[in-house]
Amino acid sequence: MSLAFQGMLAGMALAFAGYFGGFGAFLLVAALGAIGYAVGLWWERGGRPDDVPGMFSRGRR
């Protein structure tokens, strides 16, 4: 699936959320989409579920 098509789908989802749910729903969909994008990018670059606990424990020494 091309990036342009994925962007179009994301824009349509945001438009539906904004139209039917208002600005709060628009912000929620945008935030969850950004989190999903970040997790997908991390996964594609070789992230593993075993890395998650280490990400939170390293900064708390």
PDB file of N, CA and C in Angstrom:
ATOM      1  N   MET A   1       0.854  -1.165   0.000  1.00  0.00           N
ATOM      2  CA  MET A   1       0.000   0.000   0.000  1.00  0.00           C
ATOM      3  C   MET A   1       0.904   1.234   0.000  1.00  0.00           C
ATOM      4  N   SER A   2       0.634   2.161  -0.870  1.00  0.00           N
ATOM      5  CA  SER A   2       1.494   3.333  -0.993  1.00  0.00           C
ATOM      6  C   SER A   2       1.275   4.302   0.165  1.00  0.00           C
ATOM      7  N   LEU A   3       2.258   5.138   0.399  1.00  0.00           N
ATOM      8  CA  LEU A   3       2.163   6.114   1.475  1.00  0.00           C
ATOM      9  C   LEU A   3       1.077   7.146   1.204  1.00  0.00           C
ATOM     10  N   ALA A   4       0.876   7.477  -0.054  1.00  0.00           N
ATOM     11  CA  ALA A   4      -0.171   8.436  -0.386  1.00  0.00           C
ATOM     12  C   ALA A   4      -1.547   7.870  -0.042  1.00  0.00           C
ATOM     13  N   PHE A   5      -1.758   6.602  -0.318  1.00  0.00           N
ATOM     14  CA  PHE A   5      -3.035   5.961   0.002  1.00  0.00           C
ATOM     15  C   PHE A   5      -3.231   5.860   1.508  1.00  0.00           C
ATOM     16  N   GLN A   6      -2.182   5.518   2.235  1.00  0.00           N
ATOM     17  CA  GLN A   6      -2.263   5.454   3.691  1.00  0.00           C
ATOM     18  C   GLN A   6      -2.557   6.831   4.278  1.00  0.00           C
ATOM     19  N   GLY A   7      -1.939   7.856   3.727  1.00  0.00           N
ATOM     20  CA  GLY A   7      -2.207   9.216   4.175  1.00  0.00           C
ATOM     21  C   GLY A   7      -3.642   9.625   3.907  1.00  0.00           C
ATOM     22  N   MET A   8      -4.162   9.202   2.754  1.00  0.00           N
ATOM     23  CA  MET A   8      -5.550   9.500   2.431  1.00  0.00           C
ATOM     24  C   MET A   8      -6.492   8.819   3.419  1.00  0.00           C
ATOM     25  N   LEU A   9      -6.218   7.572   3.765  1.00  0.00           N
ATOM     26  CA  LEU A   9      -7.047   6.858   4.731  1.00  0.00           C
ATOM     27  C   LEU A   9      -6.989   7.524   6.108  1.00  0.00           C
ATOM     28  N   ALA A  10      -5.818   7.941   6.517  1.00  0.00           N
ATOM     29  CA  ALA A  10      -5.681   8.619   7.806  1.00  0.00           C
ATOM     30  C   ALA A  10      -6.448   9.941   7.788  1.00  0.00           C
ATOM     31  N   GLY A  11      -6.365  10.673   6.702  1.00  0.00           N
ATOM     32  CA  GLY A  11      -7.100  11.924   6.585  1.00  0.00           C
ATOM     33  C   GLY A  11      -8.604  11.714   6.609  1.00  0.00           C
ATOM     34  N   MET A  12      -9.059  10.663   5.961  1.00  0.00           N
ATOM     35  CA  MET A  12     -10.487  10.368   5.970  1.00  0.00           C
ATOM     36  C   MET A  12     -10.954   9.977   7.367  1.00  0.00           C
ATOM     37  N   ALA A  13     -10.155   9.207   8.094  1.00  0.00           N
ATOM     38  CA  ALA A  13     -10.510   8.834   9.458  1.00  0.00           C
ATOM     39  C   ALA A  13     -10.596  10.075  10.343  1.00  0.00           C
ATOM     40  N   LEU A  14      -9.645  10.992  10.199  1.00  0.00           N
ATOM     41  CA  LEU A  14      -9.670  12.224  10.986  1.00  0.00           C
ATOM     42  C   LEU A  14     -10.878  13.089  10.613  1.00  0.00           C
ATOM     43  N   ALA A  15     -11.207  13.117   9.331  1.00  0.00           N
ATOM     44  CA  ALA A  15     -12.351  13.915   8.899  1.00  0.00           C
ATOM     45  C   ALA A  15     -13.654  13.357   9.469  1.00  0.00           C
ATOM     46  N   PHE A  16     -13.819  12.038   9.425  1.00  0.00           N
ATOM     47  CA  PHE A  16     -15.020  11.430   9.996  1.00  0.00           C
ATOM     48  C   PHE A  16     -15.098  11.670  11.496  1.00  0.00           C
ATOM     49  N   ALA A  17     -13.967  11.525  12.182  1.00  0.00           N
ATOM     50  CA  ALA A  17     -13.962  11.745  13.628  1.00  0.00           C
ATOM     51  C   ALA A  17     -14.301  13.188  13.954  1.00  0.00           C
ATOM     52  N   GLY A  18     -13.760  14.120  13.202  1.00  0.00           N
ATOM     53  CA  GLY A  18     -14.048  15.527  13.447  1.00  0.00           C
ATOM     54  C   GLY A  18     -15.483  15.893  13.133  1.00  0.00           C
ATOM     55  N   TYR A  19     -16.029  15.318  12.077  1.00  0.00           N
ATOM     56  CA  TYR A  19     -17.396  15.655  11.676  1.00  0.00           C
ATOM     57  C   TYR A  19     -18.428  15.066  12.633  1.00  0.00           C
ATOM     58  N   PHE A  20     -18.261  13.780  12.956  1.00  0.00           N
ATOM     59  CA  PHE A  20     -19.264  13.100  13.766  1.00  0.00           C
ATOM     60  C   PHE A  20     -19.014  13.209  15.262  1.00  0.00           C
ATOM     61  N   GLY A  21     -17.766  13.342  15.683  1.00  0.00           N
ATOM     62  CA  GLY A  21     -17.471  13.326  17.103  1.00  0.00           C
ATOM     63  C   GLY A  21     -17.017  14.649  17.679  1.00  0.00           C
ATOM     64  N   GLY A  22     -16.762  15.620  16.828  1.00  0.00           N
ATOM     65  CA  GLY A  22     -16.298  16.908  17.308  1.00  0.00           C
ATOM     66  C   GLY A  22     -14.781  16.978  17.413  1.00  0.00           C
ATOM     67  N   PHE A  23     -14.329  18.091  17.970  1.00  0.00           N
ATOM     68  CA  PHE A  23     -12.889  18.349  18.020  1.00  0.00           C
ATOM     69  C   PHE A  23     -12.166  17.395  18.961  1.00  0.00           C
ATOM     70  N   GLY A  24     -12.819  16.994  20.050  1.00  0.00           N
ATOM     71  CA  GLY A  24     -12.193  16.054  20.986  1.00  0.00           C
ATOM     72  C   GLY A  24     -11.919  14.707  20.335  1.00  0.00           C
ATOM     73  N   ALA A  25     -12.867  14.227  19.563  1.00  0.00           N
ATOM     74  CA  ALA A  25     -12.676  12.962  18.846  1.00  0.00           C
ATOM     75  C   ALA A  25     -11.585  13.101  17.791  1.00  0.00           C
ATOM     76  N   PHE A  26     -11.538  14.257  17.148  1.00  0.00           N
ATOM     77  CA  PHE A  26     -10.483  14.514  16.157  1.00  0.00           C
ATOM     78  C   PHE A  26      -9.108  14.410  16.814  1.00  0.00           C
ATOM     79  N   LEU A  27      -8.953  15.035  17.980  1.00  0.00           N
ATOM     80  CA  LEU A  27      -7.664  14.998  18.681  1.00  0.00           C
ATOM     81  C   LEU A  27      -7.324  13.588  19.150  1.00  0.00           C
ATOM     82  N   LEU A  28      -8.321  12.846  19.620  1.00  0.00           N
ATOM     83  CA  LEU A  28      -8.086  11.475  20.060  1.00  0.00           C
ATOM     84  C   LEU A  28      -7.622  10.600  18.899  1.00  0.00           C
ATOM     85  N   VAL A  29      -8.281  10.698  17.760  1.00  0.00           N
ATOM     86  CA  VAL A  29      -7.892   9.904  16.598  1.00  0.00           C
ATOM     87  C   VAL A  29      -6.502  10.306  16.114  1.00  0.00           C
ATOM     88  N   ALA A  30      -6.201  11.597  16.127  1.00  0.00           N
ATOM     89  CA  ALA A  30      -4.883  12.054  15.710  1.00  0.00           C
ATOM     90  C   ALA A  30      -3.791  11.542  16.651  1.00  0.00           C
ATOM     91  N   ALA A  31      -4.037  11.582  17.961  1.00  0.00           N
ATOM     92  CA  ALA A  31      -3.046  11.114  18.929  1.00  0.00           C
ATOM     93  C   ALA A  31      -2.831   9.608  18.817  1.00  0.00           C
ATOM     94  N   LEU A  32      -3.908   8.848  18.705  1.00  0.00           N
ATOM     95  CA  LEU A  32      -3.770   7.402  18.570  1.00  0.00           C
ATOM     96  C   LEU A  32      -3.111   7.027  17.248  1.00  0.00           C
ATOM     97  N   GLY A  33      -3.378   7.791  16.202  1.00  0.00           N
ATOM     98  CA  GLY A  33      -2.709   7.548  14.933  1.00  0.00           C
ATOM     99  C   GLY A  33      -1.216   7.806  15.020  1.00  0.00           C
ATOM    100  N   ALA A  34      -0.825   8.855  15.725  1.00  0.00           N
ATOM    101  CA  ALA A  34       0.601   9.158  15.891  1.00  0.00           C
ATOM    102  C   ALA A  34       1.292   8.075  16.711  1.00  0.00           C
ATOM    103  N   ILE A  35       0.626   7.594  17.748  1.00  0.00           N
ATOM    104  CA  ILE A  35       1.204   6.517  18.554  1.00  0.00           C
ATOM    105  C   ILE A  35       1.336   5.246  17.717  1.00  0.00           C
ATOM    106  N   GLY A  36       0.310   4.936  16.948  1.00  0.00           N
ATOM    107  CA  GLY A  36       0.368   3.765  16.074  1.00  0.00           C
ATOM    108  C   GLY A  36       1.464   3.868  15.032  1.00  0.00           C
ATOM    109  N   TYR A  37       1.654   5.063  14.493  1.00  0.00           N
ATOM    110  CA  TYR A  37       2.727   5.275  13.526  1.00  0.00           C
ATOM    111  C   TYR A  37       4.091   5.047  14.173  1.00  0.00           C
ATOM    112  N   ALA A  38       4.285   5.576  15.375  1.00  0.00           N
ATOM    113  CA  ALA A  38       5.561   5.430  16.072  1.00  0.00           C
ATOM    114  C   ALA A  38       5.850   3.970  16.404  1.00  0.00           C
ATOM    115  N   VAL A  39       4.831   3.249  16.860  1.00  0.00           N
ATOM    116  CA  VAL A  39       5.020   1.832  17.176  1.00  0.00           C
ATOM    117  C   VAL A  39       5.311   1.032  15.907  1.00  0.00           C
ATOM    118  N   GLY A  40       4.608   1.313  14.828  1.00  0.00           N
ATOM    119  CA  GLY A  40       4.858   0.614  13.570  1.00  0.00           C
ATOM    120  C   GLY A  40       6.246   0.883  13.025  1.00  0.00           C
ATOM    121  N   LEU A  41       6.702   2.113  13.136  1.00  0.00           N
ATOM    122  CA  LEU A  41       8.050   2.460  12.677  1.00  0.00           C
ATOM    123  C   LEU A  41       9.095   1.751  13.522  1.00  0.00           C
ATOM    124  N   TRP A  42       8.886   1.726  14.845  1.00  0.00           N
ATOM    125  CA  TRP A  42       9.803   1.027  15.734  1.00  0.00           C
ATOM    126  C   TRP A  42       9.850  -0.463  15.389  1.00  0.00           C
ATOM    127  N   TRP A  43       8.683  -1.050  15.125  1.00  0.00           N
ATOM    128  CA  TRP A  43       8.604  -2.476  14.806  1.00  0.00           C
ATOM    129  C   TRP A  43       9.315  -2.788  13.493  1.00  0.00           C
ATOM    130  N   GLU A  44       9.123  -1.933  12.476  1.00  0.00           N
ATOM    131  CA  GLU A  44       9.760  -2.157  11.180  1.00  0.00           C
ATOM    132  C   GLU A  44      11.273  -2.043  11.251  1.00  0.00           C
ATOM    133  N   ARG A  45      11.778  -1.255  12.163  1.00  0.00           N
ATOM    134  CA  ARG A  45      13.230  -1.067  12.288  1.00  0.00           C
ATOM    135  C   ARG A  45      13.878  -2.087  13.212  1.00  0.00           C
ATOM    136  N   GLY A  46      13.167  -3.142  13.535  1.00  0.00           N
ATOM    137  CA  GLY A  46      13.762  -4.234  14.296  1.00  0.00           C
ATOM    138  C   GLY A  46      13.426  -4.246  15.769  1.00  0.00           C
ATOM    139  N   GLY A  47      12.448  -3.489  16.182  1.00  0.00           N
ATOM    140  CA  GLY A  47      12.043  -3.510  17.587  1.00  0.00           C
ATOM    141  C   GLY A  47      11.385  -4.834  17.939  1.00  0.00           C
ATOM    142  N   ARG A  48      11.628  -5.276  19.165  1.00  0.00           N
ATOM    143  CA  ARG A  48      11.042  -6.527  19.635  1.00  0.00           C
ATOM    144  C   ARG A  48      10.269  -6.264  20.915  1.00  0.00           C
ATOM    145  N   PRO A  49       9.262  -7.075  21.223  1.00  0.00           N
ATOM    146  CA  PRO A  49       8.531  -6.886  22.481  1.00  0.00           C
ATOM    147  C   PRO A  49       9.434  -7.009  23.710  1.00  0.00           C
ATOM    148  N   ASP A  50      10.525  -7.768  23.609  1.00  0.00           N
ATOM    149  CA  ASP A  50      11.447  -7.920  24.740  1.00  0.00           C
ATOM    150  C   ASP A  50      12.179  -6.616  25.056  1.00  0.00           C
ATOM    151  N   ASP A  51      12.236  -5.674  24.125  1.00  0.00           N
ATOM    152  CA  ASP A  51      12.935  -4.409  24.339  1.00  0.00           C
ATOM    153  C   ASP A  51      12.137  -3.423  25.192  1.00  0.00           C
ATOM    154  N   VAL A  52      10.833  -3.610  25.306  1.00  0.00           N
ATOM    155  CA  VAL A  52       9.981  -2.618  25.965  1.00  0.00           C
ATOM    156  C   VAL A  52      10.322  -2.426  27.449  1.00  0.00           C
ATOM    157  N   PRO A  53      10.472  -3.485  28.262  1.00  0.00           N
ATOM    158  CA  PRO A  53      10.811  -3.237  29.671  1.00  0.00           C
ATOM    159  C   PRO A  53      12.141  -2.509  29.838  1.00  0.00           C
ATOM    160  N   GLY A  54      13.092  -2.772  28.976  1.00  0.00           N
ATOM    161  CA  GLY A  54      14.397  -2.117  29.052  1.00  0.00           C
ATOM    162  C   GLY A  54      14.326  -0.643  28.725  1.00  0.00           C
ATOM    163  N   MET A  55      13.378  -0.243  27.907  1.00  0.00           N
ATOM    164  CA  MET A  55      13.252   1.175  27.547  1.00  0.00           C
ATOM    165  C   MET A  55      12.835   1.999  28.756  1.00  0.00           C
ATOM    166  N   PHE A  56      12.080   1.420  29.664  1.00  0.00           N
ATOM    167  CA  PHE A  56      11.589   2.165  30.821  1.00  0.00           C
ATOM    168  C   PHE A  56      12.532   2.050  32.019  1.00  0.00           C
ATOM    169  N   SER A  57      13.296   0.980  32.109  1.00  0.00           N
ATOM    170  CA  SER A  57      14.147   0.806  33.284  1.00  0.00           C
ATOM    171  C   SER A  57      15.487   1.520  33.151  1.00  0.00           C
ATOM    172  N   ARG A  58      15.978   1.768  31.963  1.00  0.00           N
ATOM    173  CA  ARG A  58      17.292   2.401  31.786  1.00  0.00           C
ATOM    174  C   ARG A  58      17.323   3.822  32.316  1.00  0.00           C
ATOM    175  N   GLY A  59      16.248   4.556  32.144  1.00  0.00           N
ATOM    176  CA  GLY A  59      16.235   5.970  32.549  1.00  0.00           C
ATOM    177  C   GLY A  59      15.987   6.195  34.028  1.00  0.00           C
ATOM    178  N   ARG A  60      15.711   5.159  34.773  1.00  0.00           N
ATOM    179  CA  ARG A  60      15.355   5.317  36.187  1.00  0.00           C
ATOM    180  C   ARG A  60      16.436   4.701  37.077  1.00  0.00           C
ATOM    181  N   ARG A  61      17.619   5.232  37.014  1.00  0.00           N
ATOM    182  CA  ARG A  61      18.710   4.722  37.871  1.00  0.00           C
ATOM    183  C   ARG A  61      18.989   5.686  38.963  1.00  0.00           C
TER     184      ARG A  61
END
